[in-house]
Amino acid sequence: MDCAAGILVNDGKIVIAPQPDQRLGYLHASYDSPYGKITSDWKYEKNRIVYTFEIPANMTATVRLEGCDPETLKAGSYERVVSL
């Protein structure tokens, strides 16, 4: 798993659990998995972190963001904003 991006694929299951670091400011990562392209991005904006994710067709992903309940997302593109 890439810790900063938090992309993990195991036994046909996708987990995205990014570990943002304010020293970096932002991160864009993608992984061409056997199931399709997975992306995990985050960036710091003032007093919040903006996350974007892309989950490949016919897949779901469990997304775990610090301070939030885990969420299962279907294929598609998503944005989540978390206040600091």
PDB file of N, CA and C in Angstrom:
ATOM      1  N   MET A   1       0.855  -1.185   0.000  1.00  0.00           N
ATOM      2  CA  MET A   1       0.000   0.000   0.000  1.00  0.00           C
ATOM      3  C   MET A   1       0.888   1.231   0.000  1.00  0.00           C
ATOM      4  N   ASP A   2       0.517   2.199  -0.792  1.00  0.00           N
ATOM      5  CA  ASP A   2       1.145   3.511  -0.775  1.00  0.00           C
ATOM      6  C   ASP A   2       0.511   4.267   0.379  1.00  0.00           C
ATOM      7  N   CYS A   3       1.235   4.506   1.450  1.00  0.00           N
ATOM      8  CA  CYS A   3       0.641   5.078   2.665  1.00  0.00           C
ATOM      9  C   CYS A   3       0.042   6.454   2.449  1.00  0.00           C
ATOM     10  N   ALA A   4       0.723   7.319   1.725  1.00  0.00           N
ATOM     11  CA  ALA A   4       0.193   8.667   1.528  1.00  0.00           C
ATOM     12  C   ALA A   4      -1.103   8.639   0.720  1.00  0.00           C
ATOM     13  N   ALA A   5      -1.163   7.807  -0.318  1.00  0.00           N
ATOM     14  CA  ALA A   5      -2.374   7.698  -1.136  1.00  0.00           C
ATOM     15  C   ALA A   5      -3.359   6.707  -0.545  1.00  0.00           C
ATOM     16  N   GLY A   6      -2.832   5.686   0.122  1.00  0.00           N
ATOM     17  CA  GLY A   6      -3.673   4.728   0.819  1.00  0.00           C
ATOM     18  C   GLY A   6      -4.420   3.756  -0.067  1.00  0.00           C
ATOM     19  N   ILE A   7      -3.905   3.425  -1.240  1.00  0.00           N
ATOM     20  CA  ILE A   7      -4.578   2.494  -2.150  1.00  0.00           C
ATOM     21  C   ILE A   7      -4.115   1.071  -1.834  1.00  0.00           C
ATOM     22  N   LEU A   8      -5.074   0.207  -1.531  1.00  0.00           N
ATOM     23  CA  LEU A   8      -4.780  -1.197  -1.256  1.00  0.00           C
ATOM     24  C   LEU A   8      -5.760  -2.065  -2.025  1.00  0.00           C
ATOM     25  N   VAL A   9      -5.239  -3.024  -2.784  1.00  0.00           N
ATOM     26  CA  VAL A   9      -6.068  -3.986  -3.517  1.00  0.00           C
ATOM     27  C   VAL A   9      -5.645  -5.372  -3.053  1.00  0.00           C
ATOM     28  N   ASN A  10      -6.621  -6.149  -2.558  1.00  0.00           N
ATOM     29  CA  ASN A  10      -6.321  -7.478  -2.043  1.00  0.00           C
ATOM     30  C   ASN A  10      -7.530  -8.376  -2.245  1.00  0.00           C
ATOM     31  N   ASP A  11      -7.348  -9.499  -2.917  1.00  0.00           N
ATOM     32  CA  ASP A  11      -8.429 -10.473  -3.151  1.00  0.00           C
ATOM     33  C   ASP A  11      -9.671  -9.836  -3.765  1.00  0.00           C
ATOM     34  N   GLY A  12      -9.489  -8.950  -4.731  1.00  0.00           N
ATOM     35  CA  GLY A  12     -10.617  -8.338  -5.416  1.00  0.00           C
ATOM     36  C   GLY A  12     -11.312  -7.247  -4.629  1.00  0.00           C
ATOM     37  N   LYS A  13     -10.751  -6.847  -3.502  1.00  0.00           N
ATOM     38  CA  LYS A  13     -11.333  -5.775  -2.685  1.00  0.00           C
ATOM     39  C   LYS A  13     -10.413  -4.566  -2.714  1.00  0.00           C
ATOM     40  N   ILE A  14     -11.029  -3.387  -2.794  1.00  0.00           N
ATOM     41  CA  ILE A  14     -10.279  -2.136  -2.821  1.00  0.00           C
ATOM     42  C   ILE A  14     -10.534  -1.384  -1.524  1.00  0.00           C
ATOM     43  N   VAL A  15      -9.459  -0.946  -0.907  1.00  0.00           N
ATOM     44  CA  VAL A  15      -9.545  -0.071   0.261  1.00  0.00           C
ATOM     45  C   VAL A  15      -8.724   1.169  -0.064  1.00  0.00           C
ATOM     46  N   ILE A  16      -9.303   2.332   0.230  1.00  0.00           N
ATOM     47  CA  ILE A  16      -8.573   3.592   0.064  1.00  0.00           C
ATOM     48  C   ILE A  16      -8.567   4.266   1.434  1.00  0.00           C
ATOM     49  N   ALA A  17      -7.372   4.379   2.008  1.00  0.00           N
ATOM     50  CA  ALA A  17      -7.209   4.956   3.340  1.00  0.00           C
ATOM     51  C   ALA A  17      -6.016   5.909   3.324  1.00  0.00           C
ATOM     52  N   PRO A  18      -6.190   7.085   2.710  1.00  0.00           N
ATOM     53  CA  PRO A  18      -5.067   8.011   2.566  1.00  0.00           C
ATOM     54  C   PRO A  18      -4.574   8.545   3.906  1.00  0.00           C
ATOM     55  N   GLN A  19      -3.300   8.888   3.914  1.00  0.00           N
ATOM     56  CA  GLN A  19      -2.650   9.473   5.088  1.00  0.00           C
ATOM     57  C   GLN A  19      -2.063  10.828   4.689  1.00  0.00           C
ATOM     58  N   PRO A  20      -2.902  11.874   4.652  1.00  0.00           N
ATOM     59  CA  PRO A  20      -2.384  13.177   4.219  1.00  0.00           C
ATOM     60  C   PRO A  20      -1.336  13.727   5.177  1.00  0.00           C
ATOM     61  N   ASP A  21      -0.442  14.518   4.628  1.00  0.00           N
ATOM     62  CA  ASP A  21       0.637  15.133   5.395  1.00  0.00           C
ATOM     63  C   ASP A  21       0.731  16.592   4.952  1.00  0.00           C
ATOM     64  N   GLN A  22       0.495  17.481   5.878  1.00  0.00           N
ATOM     65  CA  GLN A  22       0.463  18.902   5.549  1.00  0.00           C
ATOM     66  C   GLN A  22       1.800  19.397   4.986  1.00  0.00           C
ATOM     67  N   ARG A  23       2.893  18.721   5.324  1.00  0.00           N
ATOM     68  CA  ARG A  23       4.201  19.112   4.791  1.00  0.00           C
ATOM     69  C   ARG A  23       4.268  18.936   3.284  1.00  0.00           C
ATOM     70  N   LEU A  24       3.502  17.981   2.748  1.00  0.00           N
ATOM     71  CA  LEU A  24       3.459  17.775   1.299  1.00  0.00           C
ATOM     72  C   LEU A  24       2.494  18.739   0.622  1.00  0.00           C
ATOM     73  N   GLY A  25       1.392  19.050   1.297  1.00  0.00           N
ATOM     74  CA  GLY A  25       0.413  19.983   0.743  1.00  0.00           C
ATOM     75  C   GLY A  25      -0.636  19.329  -0.138  1.00  0.00           C
ATOM     76  N   TYR A  26      -0.207  18.422  -1.022  1.00  0.00           N
ATOM     77  CA  TYR A  26      -1.153  17.730  -1.898  1.00  0.00           C
ATOM     78  C   TYR A  26      -0.510  16.435  -2.396  1.00  0.00           C
ATOM     79  N   LEU A  27      -1.348  15.561  -2.930  1.00  0.00           N
ATOM     80  CA  LEU A  27      -0.859  14.319  -3.498  1.00  0.00           C
ATOM     81  C   LEU A  27      -1.834  13.844  -4.561  1.00  0.00           C
ATOM     82  N   HIS A  28      -1.300  13.347  -5.667  1.00  0.00           N
ATOM     83  CA  HIS A  28      -2.106  12.689  -6.703  1.00  0.00           C
ATOM     84  C   HIS A  28      -1.454  11.347  -6.960  1.00  0.00           C
ATOM     85  N   ALA A  29      -2.239  10.279  -6.834  1.00  0.00           N
ATOM     86  CA  ALA A  29      -1.712   8.939  -7.095  1.00  0.00           C
ATOM     87  C   ALA A  29      -2.738   8.142  -7.877  1.00  0.00           C
ATOM     88  N   SER A  30      -2.237   7.281  -8.751  1.00  0.00           N
ATOM     89  CA  SER A  30      -3.125   6.361  -9.467  1.00  0.00           C
ATOM     90  C   SER A  30      -2.444   5.011  -9.547  1.00  0.00           C
ATOM     91  N   TYR A  31      -3.280   3.982  -9.650  1.00  0.00           N
ATOM     92  CA  TYR A  31      -2.789   2.617  -9.730  1.00  0.00           C
ATOM     93  C   TYR A  31      -3.597   1.892 -10.797  1.00  0.00           C
ATOM     94  N   ASP A  32      -2.921   1.355 -11.788  1.00  0.00           N
ATOM     95  CA  ASP A  32      -3.584   0.570 -12.828  1.00  0.00           C
ATOM     96  C   ASP A  32      -3.695  -0.867 -12.327  1.00  0.00           C
ATOM     97  N   SER A  33      -4.751  -1.120 -11.571  1.00  0.00           N
ATOM     98  CA  SER A  33      -4.961  -2.436 -10.967  1.00  0.00           C
ATOM     99  C   SER A  33      -5.507  -3.411 -12.008  1.00  0.00           C
ATOM    100  N   PRO A  34      -5.569  -4.700 -11.681  1.00  0.00           N
ATOM    101  CA  PRO A  34      -6.177  -5.659 -12.600  1.00  0.00           C
ATOM    102  C   PRO A  34      -7.661  -5.370 -12.856  1.00  0.00           C
ATOM    103  N   TYR A  35      -8.274  -4.533 -12.013  1.00  0.00           N
ATOM    104  CA  TYR A  35      -9.706  -4.214 -12.110  1.00  0.00           C
ATOM    105  C   TYR A  35      -9.965  -2.874 -12.793  1.00  0.00           C
ATOM    106  N   GLY A  36      -8.897  -2.138 -13.076  1.00  0.00           N
ATOM    107  CA  GLY A  36      -9.015  -0.820 -13.684  1.00  0.00           C
ATOM    108  C   GLY A  36      -8.254   0.216 -12.875  1.00  0.00           C
ATOM    109  N   LYS A  37      -8.259   1.428 -13.368  1.00  0.00           N
ATOM    110  CA  LYS A  37      -7.499   2.516 -12.744  1.00  0.00           C
ATOM    111  C   LYS A  37      -8.183   3.002 -11.470  1.00  0.00           C
ATOM    112  N   ILE A  38      -7.392   3.116 -10.396  1.00  0.00           N
ATOM    113  CA  ILE A  38      -7.852   3.633  -9.106  1.00  0.00           C
ATOM    114  C   ILE A  38      -7.056   4.899  -8.838  1.00  0.00           C
ATOM    115  N   THR A  39      -7.730   5.980  -8.461  1.00  0.00           N
ATOM    116  CA  THR A  39      -7.011   7.201  -8.098  1.00  0.00           C
ATOM    117  C   THR A  39      -7.378   7.624  -6.680  1.00  0.00           C
ATOM    118  N   SER A  40      -6.423   8.258  -6.046  1.00  0.00           N
ATOM    119  CA  SER A  40      -6.596   8.810  -4.701  1.00  0.00           C
ATOM    120  C   SER A  40      -5.816  10.112  -4.652  1.00  0.00           C
ATOM    121  N   ASP A  41      -6.524  11.205  -4.492  1.00  0.00           N
ATOM    122  CA  ASP A  41      -5.896  12.531  -4.429  1.00  0.00           C
ATOM    123  C   ASP A  41      -6.337  13.221  -3.139  1.00  0.00           C
ATOM    124  N   TRP A  42      -5.472  14.064  -2.623  1.00  0.00           N
ATOM    125  CA  TRP A  42      -5.881  14.947  -1.523  1.00  0.00           C
ATOM    126  C   TRP A  42      -5.070  16.225  -1.605  1.00  0.00           C
ATOM    127  N   LYS A  43      -5.655  17.288  -1.058  1.00  0.00           N
ATOM    128  CA  LYS A  43      -4.942  18.566  -0.984  1.00  0.00           C
ATOM    129  C   LYS A  43      -5.469  19.359   0.205  1.00  0.00           C
ATOM    130  N   TYR A  44      -4.570  20.091   0.810  1.00  0.00           N
ATOM    131  CA  TYR A  44      -4.932  20.974   1.907  1.00  0.00           C
ATOM    132  C   TYR A  44      -5.392  22.303   1.331  1.00  0.00           C
ATOM    133  N   GLU A  45      -6.525  22.786   1.810  1.00  0.00           N
ATOM    134  CA  GLU A  45      -7.059  24.100   1.427  1.00  0.00           C
ATOM    135  C   GLU A  45      -7.525  24.795   2.692  1.00  0.00           C
ATOM    136  N   LYS A  46      -6.800  25.808   3.109  1.00  0.00           N
ATOM    137  CA  LYS A  46      -7.110  26.554   4.331  1.00  0.00           C
ATOM    138  C   LYS A  46      -7.296  25.589   5.491  1.00  0.00           C
ATOM    139  N   ASN A  47      -8.495  25.487   6.047  1.00  0.00           N
ATOM    140  CA  ASN A  47      -8.749  24.648   7.222  1.00  0.00           C
ATOM    141  C   ASN A  47      -9.479  23.365   6.865  1.00  0.00           C
ATOM    142  N   ARG A  48      -9.139  22.787   5.721  1.00  0.00           N
ATOM    143  CA  ARG A  48      -9.811  21.556   5.312  1.00  0.00           C
ATOM    144  C   ARG A  48      -8.908  20.744   4.388  1.00  0.00           C
ATOM    145  N   ILE A  49      -9.280  19.476   4.217  1.00  0.00           N
ATOM    146  CA  ILE A  49      -8.621  18.603   3.253  1.00  0.00           C
ATOM    147  C   ILE A  49      -9.677  18.191   2.238  1.00  0.00           C
ATOM    148  N   VAL A  50      -9.353  18.346   0.973  1.00  0.00           N
ATOM    149  CA  VAL A  50     -10.248  17.939  -0.111  1.00  0.00           C
ATOM    150  C   VAL A  50      -9.686  16.652  -0.703  1.00  0.00           C
ATOM    151  N   TYR A  51     -10.488  15.602  -0.649  1.00  0.00           N
ATOM    152  CA  TYR A  51     -10.116  14.294  -1.186  1.00  0.00           C
ATOM    153  C   TYR A  51     -10.896  14.053  -2.471  1.00  0.00           C
ATOM    154  N   THR A  52     -10.260  13.425  -3.462  1.00  0.00           N
ATOM    155  CA  THR A  52     -10.983  12.940  -4.638  1.00  0.00           C
ATOM    156  C   THR A  52     -10.538  11.504  -4.892  1.00  0.00           C
ATOM    157  N   PHE A  53     -11.501  10.690  -5.333  1.00  0.00           N
ATOM    158  CA  PHE A  53     -11.259   9.275  -5.587  1.00  0.00           C
ATOM    159  C   PHE A  53     -11.898   8.881  -6.898  1.00  0.00           C
ATOM    160  N   GLU A  54     -11.305   7.901  -7.549  1.00  0.00           N
ATOM    161  CA  GLU A  54     -11.921   7.305  -8.730  1.00  0.00           C
ATOM    162  C   GLU A  54     -11.840   5.794  -8.571  1.00  0.00           C
ATOM    163  N   ILE A  55     -12.997   5.155  -8.709  1.00  0.00           N
ATOM    164  CA  ILE A  55     -13.111   3.715  -8.530  1.00  0.00           C
ATOM    165  C   ILE A  55     -13.515   3.116  -9.872  1.00  0.00           C
ATOM    166  N   PRO A  56     -12.839   2.045 -10.301  1.00  0.00           N
ATOM    167  CA  PRO A  56     -13.114   1.488 -11.634  1.00  0.00           C
ATOM    168  C   PRO A  56     -14.492   0.842 -11.748  1.00  0.00           C
ATOM    169  N   ALA A  57     -14.937   0.688 -12.989  1.00  0.00           N
ATOM    170  CA  ALA A  57     -16.236   0.087 -13.302  1.00  0.00           C
ATOM    171  C   ALA A  57     -16.368  -1.295 -12.672  1.00  0.00           C
ATOM    172  N   ASN A  58     -17.574  -1.604 -12.258  1.00  0.00           N
ATOM    173  CA  ASN A  58     -17.930  -2.911 -11.698  1.00  0.00           C
ATOM    174  C   ASN A  58     -17.220  -3.231 -10.384  1.00  0.00           C
ATOM    175  N   MET A  59     -16.703  -2.212  -9.697  1.00  0.00           N
ATOM    176  CA  MET A  59     -16.013  -2.418  -8.422  1.00  0.00           C
ATOM    177  C   MET A  59     -16.620  -1.510  -7.359  1.00  0.00           C
ATOM    178  N   THR A  60     -16.343  -1.836  -6.113  1.00  0.00           N
ATOM    179  CA  THR A  60     -16.643  -0.952  -4.992  1.00  0.00           C
ATOM    180  C   THR A  60     -15.357  -0.788  -4.204  1.00  0.00           C
ATOM    181  N   ALA A  61     -15.315   0.257  -3.386  1.00  0.00           N
ATOM    182  CA  ALA A  61     -14.147   0.497  -2.545  1.00  0.00           C
ATOM    183  C   ALA A  61     -14.612   0.959  -1.174  1.00  0.00           C
ATOM    184  N   THR A  62     -13.912   0.498  -0.162  1.00  0.00           N
ATOM    185  CA  THR A  62     -14.127   1.011   1.181  1.00  0.00           C
ATOM    186  C   THR A  62     -13.167   2.176   1.357  1.00  0.00           C
ATOM    187  N   VAL A  63     -13.719   3.342   1.694  1.00  0.00           N
ATOM    188  CA  VAL A  63     -12.910   4.542   1.879  1.00  0.00           C
ATOM    189  C   VAL A  63     -12.879   4.868   3.364  1.00  0.00           C
ATOM    190  N   ARG A  64     -11.677   5.016   3.879  1.00  0.00           N
ATOM    191  CA  ARG A  64     -11.483   5.328   5.295  1.00  0.00           C
ATOM    192  C   ARG A  64     -10.716   6.640   5.404  1.00  0.00           C
ATOM    193  N   LEU A  65     -11.410   7.658   5.893  1.00  0.00           N
ATOM    194  CA  LEU A  65     -10.795   8.966   6.101  1.00  0.00           C
ATOM    195  C   LEU A  65     -10.721   9.230   7.596  1.00  0.00           C
ATOM    196  N   GLU A  66      -9.616   9.777   8.029  1.00  0.00           N
ATOM    197  CA  GLU A  66      -9.427  10.056   9.449  1.00  0.00           C
ATOM    198  C   GLU A  66     -10.540  10.972   9.966  1.00  0.00           C
ATOM    199  N   GLY A  67     -11.145  10.559  11.078  1.00  0.00           N
ATOM    200  CA  GLY A  67     -12.205  11.349  11.688  1.00  0.00           C
ATOM    201  C   GLY A  67     -13.578  11.118  11.090  1.00  0.00           C
ATOM    202  N   CYS A  68     -13.699  10.195  10.130  1.00  0.00           N
ATOM    203  CA  CYS A  68     -14.973   9.909   9.463  1.00  0.00           C
ATOM    204  C   CYS A  68     -15.269   8.416   9.554  1.00  0.00           C
ATOM    205  N   ASP A  69     -16.549   8.072   9.466  1.00  0.00           N
ATOM    206  CA  ASP A  69     -16.926   6.667   9.402  1.00  0.00           C
ATOM    207  C   ASP A  69     -16.510   6.097   8.046  1.00  0.00           C
ATOM    208  N   PRO A  70     -16.114   4.811   8.006  1.00  0.00           N
ATOM    209  CA  PRO A  70     -15.800   4.182   6.715  1.00  0.00           C
ATOM    210  C   PRO A  70     -17.021   4.231   5.797  1.00  0.00           C
ATOM    211  N   GLU A  71     -16.755   4.320   4.513  1.00  0.00           N
ATOM    212  CA  GLU A  71     -17.814   4.474   3.520  1.00  0.00           C
ATOM    213  C   GLU A  71     -17.531   3.526   2.357  1.00  0.00           C
ATOM    214  N   THR A  72     -18.565   2.835   1.868  1.00  0.00           N
ATOM    215  CA  THR A  72     -18.416   1.982   0.696  1.00  0.00           C
ATOM    216  C   THR A  72     -18.960   2.727  -0.513  1.00  0.00           C
ATOM    217  N   LEU A  73     -18.103   2.897  -1.519  1.00  0.00           N
ATOM    218  CA  LEU A  73     -18.465   3.646  -2.716  1.00  0.00           C
ATOM    219  C   LEU A  73     -18.472   2.737  -3.930  1.00  0.00           C
ATOM    220  N   LYS A  74     -19.441   2.939  -4.807  1.00  0.00           N
ATOM    221  CA  LYS A  74     -19.515   2.203  -6.068  1.00  0.00           C
ATOM    222  C   LYS A  74     -18.597   2.862  -7.091  1.00  0.00           C
ATOM    223  N   ALA A  75     -18.486   2.245  -8.251  1.00  0.00           N
ATOM    224  CA  ALA A  75     -17.657   2.782  -9.325  1.00  0.00           C
ATOM    225  C   ALA A  75     -18.039   4.230  -9.626  1.00  0.00           C
ATOM    226  N   GLY A  76     -17.032   5.057  -9.877  1.00  0.00           N
ATOM    227  CA  GLY A  76     -17.282   6.452 -10.220  1.00  0.00           C
ATOM    228  C   GLY A  76     -16.238   7.364  -9.615  1.00  0.00           C
ATOM    229  N   SER A  77     -16.494   8.669  -9.726  1.00  0.00           N
ATOM    230  CA  SER A  77     -15.598   9.694  -9.187  1.00  0.00           C
ATOM    231  C   SER A  77     -16.290  10.382  -8.022  1.00  0.00           C
ATOM    232  N   TYR A  78     -15.518  10.677  -6.978  1.00  0.00           N
ATOM    233  CA  TYR A  78     -16.076  11.241  -5.759  1.00  0.00           C
ATOM    234  C   TYR A  78     -15.174  12.319  -5.196  1.00  0.00           C
ATOM    235  N   GLU A  79     -15.778  13.235  -4.470  1.00  0.00           N
ATOM    236  CA  GLU A  79     -15.037  14.245  -3.717  1.00  0.00           C
ATOM    237  C   GLU A  79     -15.579  14.292  -2.306  1.00  0.00           C
ATOM    238  N   ARG A  80     -14.705  14.364  -1.340  1.00  0.00           N
ATOM    239  CA  ARG A  80     -15.066  14.497   0.068  1.00  0.00           C
ATOM    240  C   ARG A  80     -14.251  15.629   0.651  1.00  0.00           C
ATOM    241  N   VAL A  81     -14.878  16.433   1.505  1.00  0.00           N
ATOM    242  CA  VAL A  81     -14.186  17.546   2.157  1.00  0.00           C
ATOM    243  C   VAL A  81     -14.278  17.323   3.660  1.00  0.00           C
ATOM    244  N   VAL A  82     -13.117  17.384   4.316  1.00  0.00           N
ATOM    245  CA  VAL A  82     -13.053  17.182   5.760  1.00  0.00           C
ATOM    246  C   VAL A  82     -12.439  18.431   6.383  1.00  0.00           C
ATOM    247  N   SER A  83     -13.166  19.025   7.319  1.00  0.00           N
ATOM    248  CA  SER A  83     -12.654  20.194   8.033  1.00  0.00           C
ATOM    249  C   SER A  83     -11.600  19.771   9.046  1.00  0.00           C
ATOM    250  N   LEU A  84     -10.616  20.620   9.224  1.00  0.00           N
ATOM    251  CA  LEU A  84      -9.552  20.338  10.210  1.00  0.00           C
ATOM    252  C   LEU A  84      -9.903  20.922  11.555  1.00  0.00           C
TER     253      LEU A  84
END
